[in-house]
Amino acid sequence: MTTLHGDRVTLRPAGPGDVDALVAIRSTPEVHARWQGGDLAAEIADDLTDPDVELLAIEHGGRVVGAIQWHEESDAMYRHAGMDLYLDPAVHGRGLGSDAVRTLARHLIAERGHHRLVIDPAADNTAAIACYAKVGFRPVGVMRRYERGPDGSWHDGLLMDLLAEDLC
């Protein structure tokens, strides 16, 4: 994976030197409520070596402000890519999330040849849904009782997709 440059962010392959910064971000109450996890350092270290997921550090102003990851379905009948991300709450509301999503989407479409991308925020995560919509993602449908919350109950997710021609 190469380094990608957006209008405001840089996406680069995450490495062991990023673990502490990513643990700090994942430990914030806002991010932890969505991403959860136990031993965050071990989970992030595992993500760095997972052959099915590409984990990229999101940089802004010379520091790591989050991570974005992607995976792809390579079966020719269902070929597409999916992504997910988290940002430091200290930089929320500045357009960095949509810039990161747009930058990765351009790469996945232009360089990896994907015609369709998916993302699946929690159905009640209105800020994330608005961020993805700015890039061109559209709601496909609600996935009922899709993920387990920190309280142990099941919560709905929203499946969103973007076709190459919808990219803003």
N, C-alpha and C. Protein backbone atom coordinates (compact mmCIF):
# COMPACT_ATOMS: atom_id res chain seq x y z
N MET A 1 0.85 -1.18 0.00
CA MET A 1 0.00 0.00 0.00
C MET A 1 0.88 1.24 0.00
N THR A 2 0.51 2.17 -0.79
CA THR A 2 1.26 3.41 -0.91
C THR A 2 0.64 4.49 -0.02
N THR A 3 1.35 5.58 0.18
CA THR A 3 0.82 6.72 0.91
C THR A 3 -0.11 7.51 -0.01
N LEU A 4 -1.25 7.90 0.52
CA LEU A 4 -2.26 8.64 -0.25
C LEU A 4 -2.39 10.03 0.35
N HIS A 5 -2.56 11.01 -0.52
CA HIS A 5 -2.68 12.40 -0.06
C HIS A 5 -4.04 12.95 -0.43
N GLY A 6 -4.79 13.37 0.59
CA GLY A 6 -6.06 14.03 0.36
C GLY A 6 -5.85 15.53 0.39
N ASP A 7 -6.94 16.25 0.41
CA ASP A 7 -6.85 17.71 0.49
C ASP A 7 -6.30 18.16 1.83
N ARG A 8 -6.66 17.42 2.90
CA ARG A 8 -6.28 17.84 4.25
C ARG A 8 -5.57 16.76 5.06
N VAL A 9 -5.68 15.51 4.62
CA VAL A 9 -5.08 14.40 5.36
C VAL A 9 -4.13 13.61 4.48
N THR A 10 -3.27 12.88 5.16
CA THR A 10 -2.40 11.90 4.51
C THR A 10 -2.75 10.55 5.10
N LEU A 11 -2.90 9.56 4.23
CA LEU A 11 -3.15 8.19 4.66
C LEU A 11 -1.91 7.39 4.32
N ARG A 12 -1.34 6.75 5.33
CA ARG A 12 -0.13 5.96 5.10
C ARG A 12 -0.25 4.65 5.85
N PRO A 13 0.46 3.62 5.38
CA PRO A 13 0.38 2.35 6.09
C PRO A 13 0.75 2.54 7.57
N ALA A 14 -0.11 2.05 8.43
CA ALA A 14 0.16 2.11 9.87
C ALA A 14 1.25 1.10 10.21
N GLY A 15 2.03 1.42 11.21
CA GLY A 15 3.10 0.54 11.65
C GLY A 15 3.15 0.46 13.16
N PRO A 16 4.08 -0.35 13.67
CA PRO A 16 4.19 -0.51 15.13
C PRO A 16 4.37 0.82 15.87
N GLY A 17 5.00 1.79 15.25
CA GLY A 17 5.20 3.09 15.88
C GLY A 17 3.92 3.89 16.06
N ASP A 18 2.83 3.44 15.44
CA ASP A 18 1.54 4.14 15.54
C ASP A 18 0.64 3.57 16.62
N VAL A 19 1.01 2.44 17.19
CA VAL A 19 0.12 1.75 18.12
C VAL A 19 -0.26 2.63 19.30
N ASP A 20 0.69 3.28 19.93
CA ASP A 20 0.37 4.11 21.11
C ASP A 20 -0.62 5.22 20.78
N ALA A 21 -0.41 5.91 19.66
CA ALA A 21 -1.32 6.99 19.27
C ALA A 21 -2.71 6.45 18.97
N LEU A 22 -2.78 5.30 18.29
CA LEU A 22 -4.09 4.72 17.96
C LEU A 22 -4.80 4.19 19.20
N VAL A 23 -4.04 3.64 20.14
CA VAL A 23 -4.64 3.20 21.41
C VAL A 23 -5.23 4.41 22.15
N ALA A 24 -4.50 5.52 22.17
CA ALA A 24 -5.00 6.71 22.85
C ALA A 24 -6.31 7.18 22.22
N ILE A 25 -6.39 7.15 20.89
CA ILE A 25 -7.61 7.58 20.21
C ILE A 25 -8.74 6.60 20.47
N ARG A 26 -8.45 5.30 20.35
CA ARG A 26 -9.49 4.29 20.58
C ARG A 26 -9.96 4.28 22.03
N SER A 27 -9.15 4.81 22.94
CA SER A 27 -9.51 4.84 24.36
C SER A 27 -10.41 6.02 24.73
N THR A 28 -10.55 7.00 23.85
CA THR A 28 -11.44 8.11 24.17
C THR A 28 -12.86 7.57 24.27
N PRO A 29 -13.66 8.13 25.17
CA PRO A 29 -15.03 7.60 25.35
C PRO A 29 -15.84 7.56 24.06
N GLU A 30 -15.72 8.60 23.22
CA GLU A 30 -16.51 8.67 21.99
C GLU A 30 -16.16 7.55 21.02
N VAL A 31 -14.88 7.28 20.87
CA VAL A 31 -14.44 6.24 19.93
C VAL A 31 -14.65 4.86 20.55
N HIS A 32 -14.32 4.72 21.82
CA HIS A 32 -14.45 3.41 22.46
C HIS A 32 -15.89 2.93 22.47
N ALA A 33 -16.84 3.86 22.57
CA ALA A 33 -18.26 3.48 22.55
C ALA A 33 -18.63 2.80 21.24
N ARG A 34 -17.97 3.17 20.15
CA ARG A 34 -18.27 2.61 18.82
C ARG A 34 -17.37 1.43 18.47
N TRP A 35 -16.10 1.48 18.87
CA TRP A 35 -15.13 0.46 18.47
C TRP A 35 -14.86 -0.56 19.58
N GLN A 36 -15.11 -0.20 20.82
CA GLN A 36 -14.94 -1.07 21.97
C GLN A 36 -13.56 -1.73 22.00
N GLY A 37 -13.51 -2.95 22.54
CA GLY A 37 -12.25 -3.68 22.60
C GLY A 37 -11.74 -3.81 24.01
N GLY A 38 -10.88 -4.78 24.19
CA GLY A 38 -10.27 -5.04 25.49
C GLY A 38 -8.85 -4.52 25.51
N ASP A 39 -7.92 -5.39 25.12
CA ASP A 39 -6.51 -5.02 25.05
C ASP A 39 -6.28 -4.31 23.71
N LEU A 40 -6.47 -3.00 23.71
CA LEU A 40 -6.41 -2.25 22.46
C LEU A 40 -5.06 -2.33 21.78
N ALA A 41 -3.99 -2.32 22.56
CA ALA A 41 -2.65 -2.41 21.96
C ALA A 41 -2.50 -3.73 21.21
N ALA A 42 -2.97 -4.81 21.80
CA ALA A 42 -2.88 -6.12 21.13
C ALA A 42 -3.78 -6.17 19.90
N GLU A 43 -4.98 -5.60 20.01
CA GLU A 43 -5.90 -5.61 18.87
C GLU A 43 -5.33 -4.82 17.69
N ILE A 44 -4.78 -3.65 17.97
CA ILE A 44 -4.22 -2.82 16.90
C ILE A 44 -2.98 -3.50 16.32
N ALA A 45 -2.14 -4.09 17.16
CA ALA A 45 -0.98 -4.82 16.66
C ALA A 45 -1.41 -5.98 15.76
N ASP A 46 -2.48 -6.67 16.13
CA ASP A 46 -3.02 -7.75 15.29
C ASP A 46 -3.52 -7.20 13.95
N ASP A 47 -4.17 -6.04 13.99
CA ASP A 47 -4.66 -5.43 12.75
C ASP A 47 -3.51 -5.12 11.79
N LEU A 48 -2.35 -4.78 12.33
CA LEU A 48 -1.20 -4.46 11.49
C LEU A 48 -0.71 -5.65 10.68
N THR A 49 -0.97 -6.85 11.17
CA THR A 49 -0.49 -8.06 10.49
C THR A 49 -1.61 -8.88 9.86
N ASP A 50 -2.84 -8.41 9.95
CA ASP A 50 -3.98 -9.13 9.38
C ASP A 50 -3.90 -9.08 7.86
N PRO A 51 -3.77 -10.24 7.19
CA PRO A 51 -3.63 -10.22 5.73
C PRO A 51 -4.89 -9.81 4.99
N ASP A 52 -6.03 -9.78 5.67
CA ASP A 52 -7.29 -9.46 5.01
C ASP A 52 -7.70 -8.00 5.14
N VAL A 53 -6.93 -7.22 5.91
CA VAL A 53 -7.29 -5.82 6.18
C VAL A 53 -6.05 -4.96 5.99
N GLU A 54 -6.24 -3.81 5.35
CA GLU A 54 -5.18 -2.81 5.22
C GLU A 54 -5.49 -1.68 6.21
N LEU A 55 -4.61 -1.46 7.17
CA LEU A 55 -4.80 -0.43 8.17
C LEU A 55 -3.89 0.75 7.84
N LEU A 56 -4.51 1.92 7.69
CA LEU A 56 -3.78 3.13 7.36
C LEU A 56 -3.93 4.15 8.49
N ALA A 57 -2.84 4.80 8.83
CA ALA A 57 -2.88 5.90 9.79
C ALA A 57 -3.37 7.15 9.05
N ILE A 58 -4.23 7.91 9.70
CA ILE A 58 -4.69 9.19 9.17
C ILE A 58 -3.86 10.27 9.85
N GLU A 59 -3.14 11.05 9.05
CA GLU A 59 -2.32 12.13 9.59
C GLU A 59 -2.88 13.48 9.17
N HIS A 60 -2.78 14.42 10.08
CA HIS A 60 -3.16 15.81 9.81
C HIS A 60 -2.26 16.69 10.66
N GLY A 61 -1.68 17.68 10.05
CA GLY A 61 -0.82 18.59 10.80
C GLY A 61 0.37 17.90 11.43
N GLY A 62 0.85 16.84 10.78
CA GLY A 62 2.05 16.14 11.26
C GLY A 62 1.82 15.16 12.39
N ARG A 63 0.55 14.88 12.73
CA ARG A 63 0.32 13.88 13.78
C ARG A 63 -0.79 12.91 13.38
N VAL A 64 -0.76 11.75 13.99
CA VAL A 64 -1.77 10.73 13.75
C VAL A 64 -3.05 11.16 14.46
N VAL A 65 -4.15 11.25 13.68
CA VAL A 65 -5.43 11.67 14.24
C VAL A 65 -6.50 10.58 14.09
N GLY A 66 -6.10 9.42 13.59
CA GLY A 66 -7.06 8.33 13.45
C GLY A 66 -6.52 7.24 12.56
N ALA A 67 -7.42 6.33 12.21
CA ALA A 67 -7.07 5.22 11.33
C ALA A 67 -8.25 4.93 10.41
N ILE A 68 -7.92 4.46 9.23
CA ILE A 68 -8.93 4.02 8.27
C ILE A 68 -8.45 2.67 7.76
N GLN A 69 -9.36 1.74 7.64
CA GLN A 69 -8.98 0.41 7.17
C GLN A 69 -9.90 0.01 6.04
N TRP A 70 -9.40 -0.90 5.20
CA TRP A 70 -10.22 -1.39 4.11
C TRP A 70 -9.93 -2.86 3.87
N HIS A 71 -10.90 -3.49 3.25
CA HIS A 71 -10.79 -4.90 2.87
C HIS A 71 -11.50 -5.05 1.53
N GLU A 72 -11.21 -6.14 0.86
CA GLU A 72 -11.90 -6.34 -0.40
C GLU A 72 -12.41 -7.76 -0.56
N GLU A 73 -13.51 -7.86 -1.25
CA GLU A 73 -14.07 -9.14 -1.66
C GLU A 73 -13.55 -9.37 -3.08
N SER A 74 -12.81 -10.44 -3.29
CA SER A 74 -12.18 -10.65 -4.59
C SER A 74 -12.96 -11.59 -5.50
N ASP A 75 -14.01 -12.24 -4.99
CA ASP A 75 -14.83 -13.10 -5.84
C ASP A 75 -15.39 -12.24 -6.98
N ALA A 76 -15.14 -12.63 -8.21
CA ALA A 76 -15.51 -11.82 -9.37
C ALA A 76 -17.00 -11.49 -9.41
N MET A 77 -17.85 -12.37 -8.91
CA MET A 77 -19.29 -12.10 -8.94
C MET A 77 -19.71 -11.03 -7.93
N TYR A 78 -18.93 -10.84 -6.88
CA TYR A 78 -19.31 -9.94 -5.79
C TYR A 78 -18.24 -8.90 -5.48
N ARG A 79 -17.29 -8.72 -6.38
CA ARG A 79 -16.13 -7.86 -6.12
C ARG A 79 -16.56 -6.47 -5.64
N HIS A 80 -16.02 -6.08 -4.50
CA HIS A 80 -16.23 -4.75 -3.93
C HIS A 80 -15.22 -4.57 -2.81
N ALA A 81 -15.16 -3.37 -2.27
CA ALA A 81 -14.31 -3.10 -1.12
C ALA A 81 -15.14 -2.44 -0.03
N GLY A 82 -14.72 -2.64 1.20
CA GLY A 82 -15.37 -2.02 2.35
C GLY A 82 -14.34 -1.25 3.16
N MET A 83 -14.81 -0.29 3.91
CA MET A 83 -13.90 0.50 4.73
C MET A 83 -14.56 0.87 6.05
N ASP A 84 -13.74 1.30 6.98
CA ASP A 84 -14.20 1.78 8.28
C ASP A 84 -13.11 2.69 8.84
N LEU A 85 -13.48 3.59 9.72
CA LEU A 85 -12.48 4.50 10.27
C LEU A 85 -12.89 5.02 11.63
N TYR A 86 -11.92 5.57 12.32
CA TYR A 86 -12.16 6.32 13.55
C TYR A 86 -11.21 7.50 13.59
N LEU A 87 -11.69 8.58 14.20
CA LEU A 87 -10.92 9.82 14.32
C LEU A 87 -10.89 10.27 15.76
N ASP A 88 -9.81 10.92 16.13
CA ASP A 88 -9.69 11.55 17.43
C ASP A 88 -10.83 12.56 17.58
N PRO A 89 -11.62 12.47 18.64
CA PRO A 89 -12.72 13.44 18.83
C PRO A 89 -12.25 14.89 18.83
N ALA A 90 -10.98 15.13 19.15
CA ALA A 90 -10.46 16.49 19.15
C ALA A 90 -10.46 17.12 17.76
N VAL A 91 -10.56 16.29 16.70
CA VAL A 91 -10.57 16.84 15.33
C VAL A 91 -11.90 16.62 14.62
N HIS A 92 -12.91 16.16 15.36
CA HIS A 92 -14.24 15.98 14.75
C HIS A 92 -14.77 17.32 14.26
N GLY A 93 -15.57 17.27 13.20
CA GLY A 93 -16.23 18.46 12.70
C GLY A 93 -15.38 19.34 11.82
N ARG A 94 -14.22 18.88 11.42
CA ARG A 94 -13.31 19.68 10.59
C ARG A 94 -13.23 19.19 9.14
N GLY A 95 -13.99 18.17 8.80
CA GLY A 95 -13.95 17.64 7.43
C GLY A 95 -12.84 16.64 7.18
N LEU A 96 -12.12 16.25 8.23
CA LEU A 96 -11.02 15.31 8.04
C LEU A 96 -11.52 13.90 7.74
N GLY A 97 -12.64 13.52 8.34
CA GLY A 97 -13.20 12.19 8.09
C GLY A 97 -13.64 12.04 6.65
N SER A 98 -14.37 13.02 6.14
CA SER A 98 -14.82 12.92 4.75
C SER A 98 -13.63 12.99 3.79
N ASP A 99 -12.61 13.76 4.12
CA ASP A 99 -11.41 13.80 3.27
C ASP A 99 -10.72 12.44 3.27
N ALA A 100 -10.62 11.80 4.42
CA ALA A 100 -9.99 10.47 4.50
C ALA A 100 -10.79 9.45 3.69
N VAL A 101 -12.12 9.45 3.86
CA VAL A 101 -12.97 8.50 3.15
C VAL A 101 -12.88 8.75 1.64
N ARG A 102 -12.96 9.99 1.22
CA ARG A 102 -12.88 10.33 -0.21
C ARG A 102 -11.53 9.92 -0.79
N THR A 103 -10.46 10.17 -0.06
CA THR A 103 -9.12 9.84 -0.53
C THR A 103 -8.97 8.34 -0.72
N LEU A 104 -9.42 7.56 0.26
CA LEU A 104 -9.34 6.11 0.12
C LEU A 104 -10.27 5.62 -0.97
N ALA A 105 -11.48 6.18 -1.07
CA ALA A 105 -12.42 5.76 -2.10
C ALA A 105 -11.82 5.98 -3.49
N ARG A 106 -11.20 7.12 -3.71
CA ARG A 106 -10.57 7.39 -5.02
C ARG A 106 -9.53 6.33 -5.34
N HIS A 107 -8.74 5.98 -4.36
CA HIS A 107 -7.71 4.96 -4.56
C HIS A 107 -8.34 3.59 -4.89
N LEU A 108 -9.34 3.22 -4.12
CA LEU A 108 -9.96 1.90 -4.33
C LEU A 108 -10.64 1.81 -5.69
N ILE A 109 -11.17 2.91 -6.17
CA ILE A 109 -11.82 2.91 -7.48
C ILE A 109 -10.79 3.01 -8.61
N ALA A 110 -9.91 3.99 -8.53
CA ALA A 110 -8.96 4.24 -9.63
C ALA A 110 -7.82 3.23 -9.70
N GLU A 111 -7.29 2.87 -8.54
CA GLU A 111 -6.09 2.00 -8.53
C GLU A 111 -6.41 0.53 -8.32
N ARG A 112 -7.45 0.23 -7.55
CA ARG A 112 -7.79 -1.16 -7.25
C ARG A 112 -8.92 -1.68 -8.14
N GLY A 113 -9.54 -0.80 -8.91
CA GLY A 113 -10.54 -1.22 -9.87
C GLY A 113 -11.91 -1.57 -9.31
N HIS A 114 -12.24 -1.06 -8.14
CA HIS A 114 -13.55 -1.35 -7.56
C HIS A 114 -14.61 -0.42 -8.13
N HIS A 115 -15.78 -0.97 -8.39
CA HIS A 115 -16.90 -0.16 -8.88
C HIS A 115 -17.88 0.17 -7.76
N ARG A 116 -17.73 -0.54 -6.63
CA ARG A 116 -18.68 -0.38 -5.51
C ARG A 116 -17.92 -0.49 -4.20
N LEU A 117 -18.26 0.41 -3.27
CA LEU A 117 -17.67 0.42 -1.94
C LEU A 117 -18.79 0.37 -0.92
N VAL A 118 -18.53 -0.22 0.24
CA VAL A 118 -19.52 -0.28 1.31
C VAL A 118 -18.91 0.22 2.62
N ILE A 119 -19.80 0.68 3.48
CA ILE A 119 -19.43 1.09 4.83
C ILE A 119 -20.67 0.86 5.69
N ASP A 120 -20.48 0.56 6.98
CA ASP A 120 -21.63 0.16 7.80
C ASP A 120 -21.62 0.80 9.19
N PRO A 121 -21.90 2.10 9.26
CA PRO A 121 -21.95 2.76 10.57
C PRO A 121 -23.13 2.27 11.40
N ALA A 122 -23.04 2.50 12.70
CA ALA A 122 -24.19 2.26 13.56
C ALA A 122 -25.33 3.15 13.08
N ALA A 123 -26.54 2.63 13.10
CA ALA A 123 -27.69 3.36 12.57
C ALA A 123 -27.95 4.67 13.31
N ASP A 124 -27.49 4.77 14.56
CA ASP A 124 -27.71 6.00 15.32
C ASP A 124 -26.50 6.95 15.27
N ASN A 125 -25.51 6.64 14.47
CA ASN A 125 -24.31 7.46 14.38
C ASN A 125 -24.51 8.51 13.28
N THR A 126 -25.30 9.51 13.58
CA THR A 126 -25.68 10.49 12.57
C THR A 126 -24.49 11.28 12.03
N ALA A 127 -23.49 11.53 12.85
CA ALA A 127 -22.31 12.27 12.37
C ALA A 127 -21.55 11.45 11.33
N ALA A 128 -21.36 10.17 11.58
CA ALA A 128 -20.67 9.31 10.61
C ALA A 128 -21.48 9.19 9.33
N ILE A 129 -22.77 9.00 9.46
CA ILE A 129 -23.63 8.86 8.28
C ILE A 129 -23.56 10.12 7.42
N ALA A 130 -23.60 11.29 8.04
CA ALA A 130 -23.48 12.54 7.30
C ALA A 130 -22.13 12.67 6.62
N CYS A 131 -21.07 12.25 7.30
CA CYS A 131 -19.72 12.28 6.74
C CYS A 131 -19.65 11.44 5.47
N TYR A 132 -20.17 10.22 5.54
CA TYR A 132 -20.11 9.31 4.40
C TYR A 132 -21.00 9.80 3.26
N ALA A 133 -22.14 10.39 3.59
CA ALA A 133 -23.03 10.92 2.56
C ALA A 133 -22.36 12.05 1.78
N LYS A 134 -21.52 12.87 2.45
CA LYS A 134 -20.80 13.95 1.76
C LYS A 134 -19.92 13.42 0.64
N VAL A 135 -19.45 12.19 0.80
CA VAL A 135 -18.55 11.59 -0.18
C VAL A 135 -19.33 10.90 -1.29
N GLY A 136 -20.61 10.62 -1.06
CA GLY A 136 -21.44 9.98 -2.07
C GLY A 136 -22.05 8.66 -1.67
N PHE A 137 -21.76 8.20 -0.45
CA PHE A 137 -22.38 6.95 0.03
C PHE A 137 -23.87 7.19 0.22
N ARG A 138 -24.66 6.16 -0.10
CA ARG A 138 -26.12 6.23 0.04
C ARG A 138 -26.58 5.07 0.92
N PRO A 139 -27.62 5.30 1.71
CA PRO A 139 -28.16 4.20 2.52
C PRO A 139 -28.72 3.09 1.62
N VAL A 140 -28.42 1.85 2.01
CA VAL A 140 -28.96 0.68 1.32
C VAL A 140 -30.08 0.08 2.16
N GLY A 141 -29.84 -0.01 3.45
CA GLY A 141 -30.84 -0.57 4.35
C GLY A 141 -30.30 -0.74 5.75
N VAL A 142 -31.22 -0.95 6.66
CA VAL A 142 -30.86 -1.15 8.06
C VAL A 142 -30.60 -2.63 8.30
N MET A 143 -29.49 -2.91 8.93
CA MET A 143 -29.15 -4.28 9.34
C MET A 143 -29.56 -4.38 10.82
N ARG A 144 -30.66 -5.06 11.04
CA ARG A 144 -31.24 -5.11 12.38
C ARG A 144 -30.38 -5.94 13.32
N ARG A 145 -30.25 -5.41 14.55
CA ARG A 145 -29.46 -6.08 15.58
C ARG A 145 -28.11 -6.55 15.03
N TYR A 146 -27.42 -5.65 14.41
CA TYR A 146 -26.19 -5.93 13.67
C TYR A 146 -24.95 -6.07 14.55
N GLU A 147 -24.84 -5.22 15.56
CA GLU A 147 -23.63 -5.28 16.40
C GLU A 147 -24.01 -5.15 17.87
N ARG A 148 -23.16 -5.76 18.69
CA ARG A 148 -23.39 -5.74 20.12
C ARG A 148 -22.74 -4.50 20.72
N GLY A 149 -23.50 -3.79 21.53
CA GLY A 149 -22.99 -2.59 22.17
C GLY A 149 -22.26 -2.92 23.46
N PRO A 150 -21.62 -1.92 24.07
CA PRO A 150 -20.88 -2.15 25.31
C PRO A 150 -21.76 -2.65 26.45
N ASP A 151 -23.06 -2.38 26.35
CA ASP A 151 -23.98 -2.84 27.39
C ASP A 151 -24.47 -4.27 27.15
N GLY A 152 -24.01 -4.88 26.06
CA GLY A 152 -24.38 -6.26 25.75
C GLY A 152 -25.62 -6.39 24.87
N SER A 153 -26.32 -5.28 24.64
CA SER A 153 -27.51 -5.36 23.79
C SER A 153 -27.13 -5.17 22.32
N TRP A 154 -28.00 -5.63 21.45
CA TRP A 154 -27.76 -5.55 20.01
C TRP A 154 -28.31 -4.24 19.46
N HIS A 155 -27.56 -3.65 18.52
CA HIS A 155 -27.93 -2.37 17.93
C HIS A 155 -27.94 -2.48 16.41
N ASP A 156 -28.77 -1.68 15.78
CA ASP A 156 -28.87 -1.69 14.33
C ASP A 156 -27.67 -1.01 13.68
N GLY A 157 -27.35 -1.46 12.48
CA GLY A 157 -26.33 -0.83 11.65
C GLY A 157 -26.97 -0.36 10.36
N LEU A 158 -26.36 0.59 9.71
CA LEU A 158 -26.84 1.09 8.43
C LEU A 158 -25.84 0.70 7.36
N LEU A 159 -26.27 -0.11 6.40
CA LEU A 159 -25.42 -0.44 5.27
C LEU A 159 -25.52 0.70 4.26
N MET A 160 -24.37 1.23 3.88
CA MET A 160 -24.30 2.29 2.88
C MET A 160 -23.37 1.82 1.78
N ASP A 161 -23.67 2.22 0.53
CA ASP A 161 -22.73 1.91 -0.53
C ASP A 161 -22.51 3.12 -1.42
N LEU A 162 -21.45 3.03 -2.18
CA LEU A 162 -21.08 4.10 -3.11
C LEU A 162 -20.68 3.43 -4.40
N LEU A 163 -21.29 3.83 -5.50
CA LEU A 163 -20.85 3.37 -6.82
C LEU A 163 -19.83 4.38 -7.35
N ALA A 164 -18.92 3.90 -8.16
CA ALA A 164 -17.82 4.76 -8.65
C ALA A 164 -18.35 6.09 -9.19
N GLU A 165 -19.45 6.06 -9.91
CA GLU A 165 -19.96 7.29 -10.50
C GLU A 165 -20.61 8.23 -9.48
N ASP A 166 -20.82 7.77 -8.25
CA ASP A 166 -21.41 8.60 -7.20
C ASP A 166 -20.38 9.34 -6.36
N LEU A 167 -19.10 9.04 -6.56
CA LEU A 167 -18.06 9.63 -5.72
C LEU A 167 -18.03 11.14 -5.90
N CYS A 168 -18.15 11.86 -4.79
CA CYS A 168 -18.13 13.34 -4.80
C CYS A 168 -16.73 13.84 -4.50
